[in-house]
Amino acid sequence: MVATGGCLVSQSERGVGGRAPGGGEPSSIAQRHGQGSALKVAVDQSEFGPSQPCPIGASPGRTVLGVRRSVVLAFTAALCVACGGGRAPTVHSPTTHRDAALGDADAADPPGRDAADPPGRDAADPGRDAGPAPDQGFSLSCGDGVLSSLEECEGFELRGEDCQSQGFYEGTIHCSASCRLDTNDCRGRCGDGVINGSEGCDDGVNDSSYGHCRSDCSAPADRCGDGVVNGPEICDDRVNDGHYGGCAPGCLSLAPRCGDGTINGTEECDGRVGGDSCQNHNYDLGSLSCTSGCQLDLSGCSHTFNQISAGDWHACGLRNNNEVVCWGHNASGETTVPAGTYRAVSAGASFTCAIRSNASLACWGANNFGRAIPPSGSFTAVSAGGTHGCGIRTDRTLSCWGGERSELTAAPTTHHFTAISAGRNLSCAVDVEIQGFTVCWPDAGLAFGANTVVSVASGDRHACAIDIAGLLRCAGANDANQATPPTAHAYSRVACGYKHCCAIRTTGEIDCWGDGTQGQLSAPAGTFIDVAAGFDFSCALRGDHTAVCWGNNASGQSTPL
């Protein structure tokens, strides 16, 4: 209430009832503003000059803002004179006369000071100067029950203010003993570092900069974890836990992933295969590559085979290391080869048979009609047909098993044979006793003339053979021209499927005939050492012993491993 370098004069220093010390009359200023109140008035010591001390009883205070300057200076002048502190200070007021704040220009003062009065007092109004009317909106004391313009509050009068208007979310506001709003019982506000009310974020900074909170505490500002790449971030997937393919903690780098050049997680490769090779994956030839998903691509790898055989919808090959590999349809387990090494293999209709290294037979796949249960003993040749199989024992006798009809397994028992071929509905074998004679069953009338036969192949209801001159001889059903072979070339091998056949010329090229609706007749160019015919696809071995197949590939039967 006092300016720097000023002082405060309390009305109590004037005595009870506003009287001046020594029992004088109450000052006109005190009477105007309420006797008995704890009035303190600001006095600027600069009004008195450096040689003039503050009035007796005055003390340093603060300037009262909002009080009329004329009122303050009038109080100051009257109290200073009454207390004997010297002459009244000069009053700077917007009135028309100097000292107008005191209400008159005394005649005794120069000019016109009254000789009978103390300096500055008129005889006509002893001890009292006429002054301006009091400021009716000004309260002289906090706690007097009157809310003045200088006070924030008075008692329960809070000027309509509450915790919310002061920026808090809840609580109760009070008026302090100094008539200032007391928010100690208010709670929660944006910027207190605690999430309160409807705030979405409050870190005490709230400057909307990266990693902090928005200025209104409504939500986090841009930060790692918001799913958007902001500020210094390289990656932000909201999780940012370093999981494979995601973002590293802190959002400043990528987590391990396909394409980073390092084999991580479930990757088999990443842009390169390193020191890996087809041979490491049980292949014989070829080159590995890496897919865009960081998995090894084995399509460039291949096995090499010494023999190949085709069934209804699968095929098998005998590898150079005497392992058997099968591919294609596997609904009955026909391509699931038992462990071990083998001498020969034959693929039939949903089952496969092979000669083990010890000469015993092994069959796997579909077993209805007992087709996958071969006889015991030692064998030199084996052939899997439709629902039956046949083999030549080491004594060159025939044995057949399975069969949906008994005549399919009714092989001749009085002869010896050098070759066997089981088809879907018939079988044929080359007789030893009658050199080059071919025996077929159950159709005993199926014959290839008087020509000497060296090899034979059975289809569904037809068969083809190669005679000693290398010419093809076919017999049986011919509805798709399957029994009408080419005649312009000599051949070394022949194979028959359901309604088509293929043969290798003595020069190595392949010719096919019969039903070609699935592309099974479209043999590739090149030279070959073995050939096989399935239901509606064909396979062959190239000169480098790699396999190639063509025709129907619905079950992968034309995609050799």
Protein backbone atom coordinates (compact mmCIF):
# COMPACT_ATOMS: atom_id res chain seq x y z
CA MET A 1 0.00 0.00 0.00
CA VAL A 2 3.08 2.27 0.04
CA ALA A 3 5.50 3.49 -2.65
CA THR A 4 9.20 2.64 -2.31
CA GLY A 5 10.83 5.11 0.04
CA GLY A 6 7.44 6.04 1.50
CA CYS A 7 5.89 5.30 4.91
CA LEU A 8 2.63 4.25 6.49
CA VAL A 9 0.77 6.28 9.11
CA SER A 10 -1.81 4.38 11.14
CA GLN A 11 -4.91 6.10 12.44
CA SER A 12 -4.26 4.45 15.79
CA GLU A 13 -1.31 6.80 16.08
CA ARG A 14 -3.83 9.64 16.12
CA GLY A 15 -5.49 8.34 19.26
CA VAL A 16 -8.90 6.89 19.93
CA GLY A 17 -11.73 8.45 18.00
CA GLY A 18 -9.37 9.88 15.47
CA ARG A 19 -8.05 12.59 17.77
CA ALA A 20 -4.58 13.90 17.31
CA PRO A 21 -1.95 13.04 19.90
CA GLY A 22 -2.23 15.42 22.81
CA GLY A 23 -6.07 15.43 22.78
CA GLY A 24 -6.73 17.63 19.75
CA GLU A 25 -9.84 17.50 17.63
CA PRO A 26 -10.27 14.65 15.20
CA SER A 27 -8.80 15.39 11.84
CA SER A 28 -11.23 16.14 9.07
CA ILE A 29 -9.70 13.32 7.01
CA ALA A 30 -10.25 10.71 9.75
CA GLN A 31 -13.80 11.86 10.28
CA ARG A 32 -14.53 11.54 6.57
CA HIS A 33 -13.25 7.98 6.25
CA GLY A 34 -14.47 6.39 9.45
CA GLN A 35 -13.08 6.90 12.92
CA GLY A 36 -11.66 3.91 14.74
CA SER A 37 -10.63 2.05 11.63
CA ALA A 38 -7.11 0.80 11.22
CA LEU A 39 -6.37 3.33 8.55
CA LYS A 40 -2.98 3.27 6.92
CA VAL A 41 -2.08 5.91 4.43
CA ALA A 42 0.80 5.96 2.02
CA VAL A 43 3.18 8.88 2.32
CA ASP A 44 5.88 9.46 -0.19
CA GLN A 45 8.92 10.67 1.70
CA SER A 46 10.09 12.41 -1.40
CA GLU A 47 7.34 14.94 -0.73
CA PHE A 48 9.23 16.05 2.38
CA GLY A 49 12.68 16.31 0.94
CA PRO A 50 15.84 14.64 2.17
CA SER A 51 15.98 16.78 5.34
CA GLN A 52 12.37 16.03 6.25
CA PRO A 53 11.90 12.72 8.06
CA CYS A 54 8.75 10.63 7.62
CA PRO A 55 5.96 11.75 9.93
CA ILE A 56 6.06 10.42 13.47
CA GLY A 57 4.57 6.91 13.58
CA ALA A 58 4.83 6.39 9.84
CA SER A 59 6.33 3.13 8.52
CA PRO A 60 7.33 1.82 5.08
CA GLY A 61 4.52 0.30 3.10
CA ARG A 62 3.15 -0.21 -0.41
CA THR A 63 1.34 2.12 -2.77
CA VAL A 64 -2.40 1.57 -2.74
CA LEU A 65 -3.51 1.22 -6.31
CA GLY A 66 -6.91 2.45 -7.25
CA VAL A 67 -7.31 5.01 -4.41
CA ARG A 68 -7.86 8.53 -5.50
CA ARG A 69 -4.58 10.41 -5.43
CA SER A 70 -6.30 13.40 -3.86
CA VAL A 71 -7.59 11.28 -0.97
CA VAL A 72 -4.22 9.70 -0.26
CA LEU A 73 -2.41 12.98 -0.34
CA ALA A 74 -5.07 14.63 1.83
CA PHE A 75 -4.65 11.91 4.44
CA THR A 76 -0.91 12.31 4.23
CA ALA A 77 -0.96 16.04 4.62
CA ALA A 78 -3.36 16.07 7.56
CA LEU A 79 -1.61 13.29 9.45
CA CYS A 80 1.83 14.67 8.90
CA VAL A 81 0.77 18.07 10.22
CA ALA A 82 -1.11 16.56 13.16
CA CYS A 83 1.83 14.38 14.12
CA GLY A 84 4.20 17.32 14.10
CA GLY A 85 6.28 15.96 11.29
CA GLY A 86 6.77 19.36 9.66
CA ARG A 87 4.83 21.12 7.02
CA ALA A 88 2.47 19.21 4.84
CA PRO A 89 3.96 17.79 1.64
CA THR A 90 3.19 19.37 -1.63
CA VAL A 91 0.11 17.79 -3.15
CA HIS A 92 0.21 17.02 -6.84
CA SER A 93 -3.38 16.73 -7.84
CA PRO A 94 -5.41 17.24 -10.96
CA THR A 95 -7.33 20.04 -9.14
CA THR A 96 -7.11 23.66 -10.20
CA HIS A 97 -5.20 24.89 -7.12
CA ARG A 98 -2.12 23.64 -5.39
CA ASP A 99 -3.08 22.15 -1.99
CA ALA A 100 -6.64 21.72 -3.30
CA ALA A 101 -6.54 18.16 -1.89
CA LEU A 102 -6.61 19.79 1.55
CA GLY A 103 -9.78 21.65 0.73
CA ASP A 104 -8.62 25.33 0.99
CA ALA A 105 -5.87 27.84 0.52
CA ASP A 106 -5.28 29.13 4.06
CA ALA A 107 -5.14 32.93 4.40
CA ALA A 108 -2.36 32.63 6.98
CA ASP A 109 -0.19 30.76 4.50
CA PRO A 110 1.63 32.77 1.97
CA PRO A 111 -0.29 34.44 0.72
CA GLY A 112 -3.05 34.76 3.36
CA ARG A 113 -1.95 32.50 6.27
CA ASP A 114 -3.91 33.17 9.50
CA ALA A 115 -1.66 34.57 12.21
CA ALA A 116 -3.65 33.04 15.05
CA ASP A 117 -3.55 29.54 13.64
CA PRO A 118 -0.72 27.11 13.53
CA PRO A 119 0.80 27.10 10.14
CA GLY A 120 -1.68 25.76 7.60
CA ARG A 121 -4.85 26.05 9.77
CA ASP A 122 -7.68 28.64 9.49
CA ALA A 123 -9.10 30.24 12.61
CA ALA A 124 -12.60 29.82 11.25
CA ASP A 125 -12.25 25.98 11.13
CA PRO A 126 -9.86 25.16 14.01
CA GLY A 127 -8.18 21.79 13.43
CA ARG A 128 -10.28 20.98 10.37
CA ASP A 129 -9.82 21.77 6.72
CA ALA A 130 -12.50 21.49 4.19
CA GLY A 131 -11.65 18.60 1.80
CA PRO A 132 -13.17 16.66 -1.00
CA ALA A 133 -16.05 14.27 -0.41
CA PRO A 134 -14.93 10.75 0.59
CA ASP A 135 -14.64 7.95 -2.03
CA GLN A 136 -17.74 5.93 -1.27
CA GLY A 137 -16.33 2.76 -3.04
CA PHE A 138 -13.18 2.63 -0.97
CA SER A 139 -12.89 0.38 2.07
CA LEU A 140 -10.28 1.29 4.55
CA SER A 141 -9.65 -2.21 5.98
CA CYS A 142 -9.59 -5.94 4.80
CA GLY A 143 -12.12 -7.74 6.95
CA ASP A 144 -14.53 -4.81 7.35
CA GLY A 145 -17.17 -6.73 5.38
CA VAL A 146 -17.08 -4.29 2.47
CA LEU A 147 -15.62 -5.57 -0.87
CA SER A 148 -13.51 -2.73 -2.24
CA SER A 149 -11.95 -2.33 -5.64
CA LEU A 150 -8.56 -3.04 -4.04
CA GLU A 151 -9.57 -6.46 -2.73
CA GLU A 152 -9.80 -9.79 -4.63
CA CYS A 153 -12.42 -10.98 -2.16
CA GLU A 154 -14.00 -10.17 1.23
CA GLY A 155 -15.29 -12.96 3.42
CA PHE A 156 -17.61 -15.10 1.30
CA GLU A 157 -17.77 -12.53 -1.46
CA LEU A 158 -15.51 -14.02 -4.17
CA ARG A 159 -16.56 -11.89 -7.14
CA GLY A 160 -17.99 -15.06 -8.78
CA GLU A 161 -14.60 -16.74 -8.90
CA ASP A 162 -14.16 -20.49 -8.32
CA CYS A 163 -11.46 -23.14 -8.83
CA GLN A 164 -12.47 -23.64 -12.44
CA SER A 165 -12.19 -19.94 -13.28
CA GLN A 166 -8.68 -20.02 -11.82
CA GLY A 167 -7.65 -22.85 -14.17
CA PHE A 168 -8.21 -25.79 -11.84
CA TYR A 169 -10.50 -28.76 -12.45
CA GLU A 170 -12.08 -29.19 -9.03
CA GLY A 171 -12.02 -28.13 -5.38
CA THR A 172 -13.17 -25.17 -3.31
CA ILE A 173 -11.77 -21.63 -3.42
CA HIS A 174 -11.58 -19.45 -0.27
CA CYS A 175 -10.84 -15.85 0.67
CA SER A 176 -7.66 -15.43 2.69
CA ALA A 177 -7.22 -13.16 5.72
CA SER A 178 -5.50 -10.69 3.40
CA CYS A 179 -8.55 -10.59 1.12
CA ARG A 180 -6.82 -12.51 -1.64
CA LEU A 181 -8.21 -15.58 -3.39
CA ASP A 182 -6.90 -18.77 -1.74
CA THR A 183 -6.62 -21.73 -4.20
CA ASN A 184 -4.89 -24.14 -1.83
CA ASP A 185 -7.97 -26.39 -1.82
CA CYS A 186 -8.25 -26.37 -5.61
CA ARG A 187 -6.95 -29.49 -7.38
CA GLY A 188 -5.72 -30.43 -10.81
CA ARG A 189 -4.73 -28.15 -13.62
CA CYS A 190 -3.02 -28.44 -16.98
CA GLY A 191 0.70 -28.15 -16.36
CA ASP A 192 0.92 -29.70 -12.89
CA GLY A 193 2.57 -32.81 -14.33
CA VAL A 194 -0.33 -35.06 -13.28
CA ILE A 195 -3.09 -36.27 -15.60
CA ASN A 196 -6.32 -34.93 -14.11
CA GLY A 197 -9.87 -34.47 -15.26
CA SER A 198 -10.27 -34.91 -19.00
CA GLU A 199 -6.55 -34.50 -19.71
CA GLY A 200 -4.95 -36.91 -22.10
CA CYS A 201 -1.39 -35.92 -21.26
CA ASP A 202 0.38 -33.68 -18.73
CA ASP A 203 4.14 -33.86 -18.35
CA GLY A 204 4.58 -30.44 -16.80
CA VAL A 205 6.16 -29.11 -20.01
CA ASN A 206 3.17 -29.13 -22.35
CA ASP A 207 4.82 -27.16 -25.12
CA SER A 208 3.64 -29.44 -27.97
CA SER A 209 7.23 -30.31 -28.81
CA TYR A 210 8.24 -33.85 -29.83
CA GLY A 211 7.97 -36.28 -26.97
CA HIS A 212 5.97 -33.94 -24.71
CA CYS A 213 2.30 -33.02 -24.34
CA ARG A 214 0.10 -30.60 -26.21
CA SER A 215 -0.23 -27.18 -24.67
CA ASP A 216 -3.85 -27.81 -23.68
CA CYS A 217 -3.07 -31.20 -22.14
CA SER A 218 -5.62 -32.81 -24.47
CA ALA A 219 -3.23 -35.43 -25.87
CA PRO A 220 0.43 -36.29 -26.33
CA ALA A 221 2.32 -34.35 -28.95
CA ASP A 222 4.20 -36.21 -31.69
CA ARG A 223 6.15 -39.02 -30.08
CA CYS A 224 7.56 -42.50 -30.53
CA GLY A 225 4.65 -44.89 -30.36
CA ASP A 226 1.98 -42.86 -32.14
CA GLY A 227 2.31 -44.95 -35.29
CA VAL A 228 3.53 -42.01 -37.40
CA VAL A 229 7.14 -41.29 -38.26
CA ASN A 230 7.82 -37.85 -36.71
CA GLY A 231 10.80 -35.76 -35.70
CA PRO A 232 13.99 -37.84 -35.51
CA GLU A 233 12.17 -41.16 -35.94
CA ILE A 234 13.16 -43.73 -38.56
CA CYS A 235 10.33 -46.14 -37.82
CA ASP A 236 7.17 -46.17 -35.68
CA ASP A 237 4.79 -49.16 -35.67
CA ARG A 238 3.14 -48.25 -32.33
CA VAL A 239 4.65 -51.37 -30.70
CA ASN A 240 8.34 -50.57 -31.19
CA ASP A 241 9.52 -53.52 -29.17
CA GLY A 242 12.16 -54.71 -31.61
CA HIS A 243 10.10 -57.66 -32.84
CA TYR A 244 11.05 -59.13 -36.21
CA GLY A 245 9.88 -56.92 -39.03
CA GLY A 246 8.92 -54.07 -36.70
CA CYS A 247 10.63 -51.06 -35.15
CA ALA A 248 13.33 -50.87 -32.52
CA PRO A 249 12.64 -49.23 -29.15
CA GLY A 250 13.04 -45.48 -29.40
CA CYS A 251 11.86 -45.42 -33.02
CA LEU A 252 15.34 -44.51 -34.23
CA SER A 253 16.04 -47.71 -36.16
CA LEU A 254 14.39 -50.68 -37.80
CA ALA A 255 14.18 -54.01 -36.04
CA PRO A 256 15.65 -57.07 -37.78
CA ARG A 257 13.71 -57.82 -40.94
CA CYS A 258 13.82 -59.48 -44.33
CA GLY A 259 15.95 -57.33 -46.57
CA ASP A 260 18.47 -56.05 -44.02
CA GLY A 261 21.15 -58.39 -45.36
CA THR A 262 21.33 -60.41 -42.14
CA ILE A 263 19.62 -63.76 -41.59
CA ASN A 264 17.24 -63.20 -38.65
CA GLY A 265 14.25 -64.90 -37.11
CA THR A 266 12.70 -67.50 -39.39
CA GLU A 267 14.68 -66.36 -42.41
CA GLU A 268 16.54 -68.99 -44.41
CA CYS A 269 18.44 -66.38 -46.37
CA ASP A 270 18.53 -62.62 -46.85
CA GLY A 271 19.52 -61.45 -50.29
CA ARG A 272 22.25 -64.07 -50.39
CA VAL A 273 22.60 -67.68 -49.37
CA GLY A 274 26.12 -67.41 -48.07
CA GLY A 275 27.94 -70.73 -48.19
CA ASP A 276 24.75 -72.74 -48.57
CA SER A 277 24.28 -74.99 -51.60
CA CYS A 278 21.85 -77.38 -53.26
CA GLN A 279 24.02 -80.25 -52.08
CA ASN A 280 23.43 -79.17 -48.47
CA HIS A 281 19.72 -79.77 -49.08
CA ASN A 282 20.16 -83.28 -50.49
CA TYR A 283 20.15 -82.25 -54.13
CA ASP A 284 22.75 -83.23 -56.67
CA LEU A 285 22.86 -80.24 -59.02
CA GLY A 286 21.82 -76.62 -59.35
CA SER A 287 22.04 -73.28 -57.55
CA LEU A 288 20.18 -71.91 -54.55
CA SER A 289 18.47 -68.54 -54.61
CA CYS A 290 16.62 -66.41 -52.04
CA THR A 291 12.99 -65.38 -52.35
CA SER A 292 11.66 -61.90 -51.59
CA GLY A 293 10.36 -63.37 -48.33
CA CYS A 294 13.86 -64.47 -47.32
CA GLN A 295 13.20 -68.19 -47.84
CA LEU A 296 15.41 -70.49 -49.85
CA ASP A 297 14.30 -71.12 -53.40
CA LEU A 298 15.18 -74.72 -54.27
CA SER A 299 13.65 -74.56 -57.74
CA GLY A 300 17.13 -74.23 -59.19
CA CYS A 301 18.22 -77.44 -57.50
CA SER A 302 17.68 -80.90 -58.94
CA HIS A 303 18.25 -84.54 -58.23
CA THR A 304 19.89 -86.88 -60.66
CA PHE A 305 18.30 -90.25 -61.32
CA ASN A 306 19.18 -93.59 -62.85
CA GLN A 307 15.53 -94.54 -63.35
CA ILE A 308 12.14 -92.79 -63.48
CA SER A 309 8.55 -94.10 -63.17
CA ALA A 310 5.13 -92.43 -63.45
CA GLY A 311 1.86 -93.52 -61.78
CA ASP A 312 -1.64 -92.13 -62.00
CA TRP A 313 -0.92 -88.70 -60.41
CA HIS A 314 2.57 -89.04 -58.95
CA ALA A 315 6.07 -89.98 -60.10
CA CYS A 316 9.22 -91.40 -58.52
CA GLY A 317 12.90 -91.60 -59.40
CA LEU A 318 15.80 -93.74 -58.23
CA ARG A 319 18.68 -91.42 -57.38
CA ASN A 320 22.34 -92.04 -58.07
CA ASN A 321 22.84 -92.67 -54.36
CA ASN A 322 20.09 -95.34 -54.50
CA GLU A 323 17.56 -93.29 -52.59
CA VAL A 324 14.03 -93.04 -53.96
CA VAL A 325 12.41 -89.62 -54.35
CA CYS A 326 8.71 -89.16 -55.21
CA TRP A 327 6.56 -86.11 -56.03
CA GLY A 328 2.98 -85.24 -56.94
CA HIS A 329 -0.29 -86.47 -55.39
CA ASN A 330 0.16 -87.85 -51.88
CA ALA A 331 -3.36 -88.34 -50.53
CA SER A 332 -2.61 -91.97 -49.72
CA GLY A 333 1.03 -91.54 -48.80
CA GLU A 334 2.22 -92.73 -52.20
CA THR A 335 5.09 -90.20 -52.26
CA THR A 336 6.15 -90.84 -48.65
CA VAL A 337 9.12 -93.12 -49.22
CA PRO A 338 10.29 -95.42 -46.42
CA ALA A 339 13.88 -94.86 -45.39
CA GLY A 340 16.49 -97.00 -47.02
CA THR A 341 18.23 -97.64 -50.32
CA TYR A 342 16.72 -99.29 -53.36
CA ARG A 343 17.55 -101.00 -56.68
CA ALA A 344 14.41 -100.13 -58.65
CA VAL A 345 11.08 -98.25 -58.23
CA SER A 346 7.62 -98.33 -59.89
CA ALA A 347 4.74 -95.86 -59.40
CA GLY A 348 1.15 -97.12 -59.80
CA ALA A 349 -2.35 -95.82 -59.03
CA SER A 350 -2.03 -94.17 -55.59
CA PHE A 351 0.65 -96.61 -54.45
CA THR A 352 4.35 -97.26 -55.09
CA CYS A 353 6.54 -100.36 -54.97
CA ALA A 354 10.33 -100.70 -55.00
CA ILE A 355 13.06 -103.32 -54.70
CA ARG A 356 15.23 -102.75 -51.65
CA SER A 357 18.98 -103.11 -51.74
CA ASN A 358 18.55 -106.58 -50.21
CA ALA A 359 16.23 -107.53 -53.12
CA SER A 360 13.06 -107.61 -51.00
CA LEU A 361 9.96 -105.70 -52.04
CA ALA A 362 8.53 -102.64 -50.28
CA CYS A 363 5.21 -100.97 -51.16
CA TRP A 364 3.52 -97.85 -49.71
CA GLY A 365 0.45 -95.71 -50.33
CA ALA A 366 -3.15 -96.91 -50.90
CA ASN A 367 -3.67 -100.49 -49.72
CA ASN A 368 -7.20 -101.35 -50.72
CA PHE A 369 -7.29 -104.76 -52.40
CA GLY A 370 -3.93 -105.45 -50.73
CA ARG A 371 -1.96 -103.68 -53.43
CA ALA A 372 0.61 -102.36 -50.92
CA ILE A 373 1.28 -105.80 -49.39
CA PRO A 374 3.85 -107.51 -51.64
CA PRO A 375 5.01 -111.10 -51.22
CA SER A 376 8.26 -111.91 -49.49
CA GLY A 377 11.33 -113.14 -51.29
CA SER A 378 13.94 -111.71 -53.59
CA PHE A 379 13.06 -109.90 -56.81
CA THR A 380 14.89 -108.56 -59.86
CA ALA A 381 11.99 -106.52 -61.35
CA VAL A 382 8.79 -104.89 -60.04
CA SER A 383 5.80 -103.07 -61.63
CA ALA A 384 2.89 -101.27 -59.91
CA GLY A 385 -0.37 -101.14 -61.89
CA GLY A 386 -3.91 -99.95 -61.13
CA THR A 387 -4.96 -102.01 -58.10
CA HIS A 388 -2.37 -104.74 -58.39
CA GLY A 389 1.38 -105.24 -58.62
CA CYS A 390 3.68 -107.85 -60.15
CA GLY A 391 7.34 -108.78 -59.79
CA ILE A 392 9.93 -111.13 -61.25
CA ARG A 393 11.70 -113.19 -58.63
CA THR A 394 15.38 -114.05 -58.78
CA ASP A 395 14.39 -117.44 -60.25
CA ARG A 396 12.58 -115.48 -63.04
CA THR A 397 9.14 -116.65 -62.00
CA LEU A 398 6.22 -114.17 -61.73
CA SER A 399 4.33 -113.17 -58.61
CA CYS A 400 1.37 -110.74 -58.54
CA TRP A 401 -0.66 -109.35 -55.60
CA GLY A 402 -3.65 -107.13 -54.83
CA GLY A 403 -6.15 -106.54 -57.66
CA GLU A 404 -9.79 -105.59 -57.61
CA ARG A 405 -10.37 -108.66 -59.80
CA SER A 406 -8.63 -111.96 -59.40
CA GLU A 407 -7.75 -112.26 -63.11
CA LEU A 408 -5.44 -109.30 -62.76
CA THR A 409 -3.09 -111.38 -60.64
CA ALA A 410 -3.50 -114.64 -62.60
CA ALA A 411 0.05 -114.58 -63.99
CA PRO A 412 1.38 -117.67 -65.83
CA THR A 413 3.36 -119.96 -63.53
CA THR A 414 4.98 -122.37 -65.98
CA HIS A 415 7.29 -119.95 -67.71
CA HIS A 416 10.19 -117.69 -66.85
CA PHE A 417 10.33 -114.00 -67.73
CA THR A 418 12.82 -111.20 -68.29
CA ALA A 419 10.51 -108.15 -68.22
CA ILE A 420 7.17 -107.25 -66.56
CA SER A 421 4.67 -104.36 -66.96
CA ALA A 422 1.48 -104.03 -64.93
CA GLY A 423 -1.17 -101.68 -66.38
CA ARG A 424 -4.51 -100.58 -65.01
CA ASN A 425 -6.54 -103.46 -66.35
CA LEU A 426 -3.93 -105.83 -67.81
CA SER A 427 -0.33 -106.97 -67.44
CA CYS A 428 2.27 -108.22 -69.92
CA ALA A 429 5.62 -110.01 -69.56
CA VAL A 430 8.43 -111.12 -71.91
CA ASP A 431 8.91 -114.92 -71.90
CA VAL A 432 12.40 -116.41 -71.64
CA GLU A 433 11.60 -119.92 -72.81
CA ILE A 434 10.11 -118.70 -76.03
CA GLN A 435 12.57 -115.94 -76.85
CA GLY A 436 10.84 -112.67 -77.51
CA PHE A 437 7.37 -114.03 -76.84
CA THR A 438 5.08 -111.75 -74.89
CA VAL A 439 2.41 -112.98 -72.52
CA CYS A 440 -0.49 -110.69 -71.45
CA TRP A 441 -3.35 -111.32 -69.03
CA PRO A 442 -6.24 -111.38 -68.45
CA ASP A 443 -6.53 -110.77 -72.22
CA ALA A 444 -4.55 -113.74 -73.47
CA GLY A 445 -5.37 -112.88 -77.05
CA LEU A 446 -3.40 -109.66 -76.94
CA ALA A 447 -0.35 -110.33 -79.17
CA PHE A 448 2.35 -108.50 -81.10
CA GLY A 449 2.68 -110.96 -83.96
CA ALA A 450 5.60 -113.24 -84.60
CA ASN A 451 8.14 -110.50 -83.90
CA THR A 452 10.76 -110.98 -81.22
CA VAL A 453 10.10 -108.51 -78.38
CA VAL A 454 12.80 -107.09 -76.08
CA SER A 455 10.64 -104.75 -73.92
CA VAL A 456 6.94 -104.19 -73.24
CA ALA A 457 4.71 -101.50 -71.65
CA SER A 458 1.08 -101.86 -70.48
CA GLY A 459 -1.50 -99.04 -70.42
CA ASP A 460 -5.14 -99.20 -69.44
CA ARG A 461 -6.40 -101.71 -72.02
CA HIS A 462 -3.58 -101.56 -74.53
CA ALA A 463 0.13 -102.38 -74.63
CA CYS A 464 3.14 -101.57 -76.80
CA ALA A 465 6.43 -103.41 -77.30
CA ILE A 466 9.79 -102.86 -79.01
CA ASP A 467 10.99 -105.70 -81.21
CA ILE A 468 14.51 -106.77 -81.81
CA ALA A 469 14.74 -104.37 -84.76
CA GLY A 470 13.77 -101.40 -82.63
CA LEU A 471 10.32 -101.07 -84.16
CA LEU A 472 7.21 -100.34 -82.09
CA ARG A 473 4.43 -102.93 -81.92
CA CYS A 474 1.13 -102.05 -80.15
CA ALA A 475 -2.13 -103.98 -79.52
CA GLY A 476 -5.41 -103.53 -77.63
CA ALA A 477 -7.78 -100.58 -77.31
CA ASN A 478 -7.15 -97.80 -79.83
CA ASP A 479 -9.95 -95.25 -79.23
CA ALA A 480 -7.39 -92.44 -78.85
CA ASN A 481 -4.85 -93.92 -81.30
CA GLN A 482 -2.87 -95.17 -78.34
CA ALA A 483 -2.21 -98.43 -80.23
CA THR A 484 -1.03 -96.63 -83.39
CA PRO A 485 2.67 -95.87 -82.85
CA PRO A 486 5.01 -93.97 -85.17
CA THR A 487 6.87 -96.18 -87.63
CA ALA A 488 9.59 -94.01 -89.12
CA HIS A 489 12.22 -94.50 -86.40
CA ALA A 490 13.83 -97.18 -84.29
CA TYR A 491 13.35 -97.01 -80.51
CA SER A 492 15.16 -98.26 -77.44
CA ARG A 493 12.56 -97.68 -74.67
CA VAL A 494 8.76 -97.40 -74.46
CA ALA A 495 6.24 -96.49 -71.71
CA CYS A 496 2.42 -96.38 -71.70
CA GLY A 497 -0.07 -94.44 -69.58
CA TYR A 498 -3.85 -94.47 -69.46
CA LYS A 499 -4.44 -93.72 -73.16
CA HIS A 500 -1.05 -92.57 -74.45
CA CYS A 501 2.49 -93.87 -74.87
CA CYS A 502 5.97 -92.37 -75.31
CA ALA A 503 9.17 -93.92 -76.66
CA ILE A 504 12.84 -92.93 -76.95
CA ARG A 505 14.42 -93.13 -80.36
CA THR A 506 17.77 -94.79 -80.67
CA THR A 507 19.08 -91.25 -81.29
CA GLY A 508 17.71 -90.08 -77.93
CA GLU A 509 14.69 -87.96 -78.96
CA ILE A 510 11.20 -88.73 -77.62
CA ASP A 511 8.01 -89.37 -79.59
CA CYS A 512 4.57 -89.66 -77.97
CA TRP A 513 1.15 -90.73 -79.37
CA GLY A 514 -2.45 -91.31 -78.30
CA ASP A 515 -4.53 -88.94 -76.10
CA GLY A 516 -2.89 -85.55 -75.75
CA THR A 517 -5.65 -83.46 -74.13
CA GLN A 518 -3.47 -82.58 -71.12
CA GLY A 519 -0.30 -81.92 -73.11
CA GLN A 520 1.12 -85.32 -72.26
CA LEU A 521 2.33 -85.80 -75.87
CA SER A 522 4.36 -82.53 -75.95
CA ALA A 523 7.79 -83.92 -75.15
CA PRO A 524 10.60 -81.37 -74.82
CA ALA A 525 13.44 -81.22 -77.24
CA GLY A 526 16.71 -82.86 -76.40
CA THR A 527 18.06 -86.33 -75.84
CA PHE A 528 16.96 -88.67 -73.07
CA ILE A 529 17.99 -91.95 -71.45
CA ASP A 530 14.71 -93.05 -69.80
CA VAL A 531 10.96 -92.33 -70.20
CA ALA A 532 7.77 -92.93 -68.17
CA ALA A 533 4.04 -92.38 -68.82
CA GLY A 534 1.44 -91.66 -66.12
CA PHE A 535 -2.32 -91.28 -66.28
CA ASP A 536 -2.20 -88.05 -68.32
CA PHE A 537 1.37 -86.82 -67.94
CA SER A 538 4.84 -88.03 -68.96
CA CYS A 539 8.38 -87.84 -67.55
CA ALA A 540 11.89 -88.54 -68.85
CA LEU A 541 15.55 -88.43 -67.81
CA ARG A 542 17.94 -86.19 -69.74
CA GLY A 543 21.48 -87.16 -70.59
CA ASP A 544 22.70 -85.49 -67.37
CA HIS A 545 20.27 -87.72 -65.42
CA THR A 546 17.99 -84.84 -64.42
CA ALA A 547 14.22 -85.34 -64.66
CA VAL A 548 11.69 -83.41 -66.73
CA CYS A 549 7.93 -83.93 -66.89
CA TRP A 550 5.06 -82.55 -69.00
CA GLY A 551 1.28 -82.81 -69.19
CA ASN A 552 -1.21 -82.53 -66.32
CA ASN A 553 0.37 -80.91 -63.26
CA ALA A 554 -2.69 -80.46 -61.03
CA SER A 555 -1.01 -82.37 -58.20
CA GLY A 556 2.55 -81.33 -58.95
CA GLN A 557 3.17 -84.60 -60.75
CA SER A 558 4.90 -82.76 -63.61
CA THR A 559 7.24 -80.84 -61.28
CA PRO A 560 10.05 -83.23 -60.37
CA LEU A 561 12.13 -82.62 -57.29
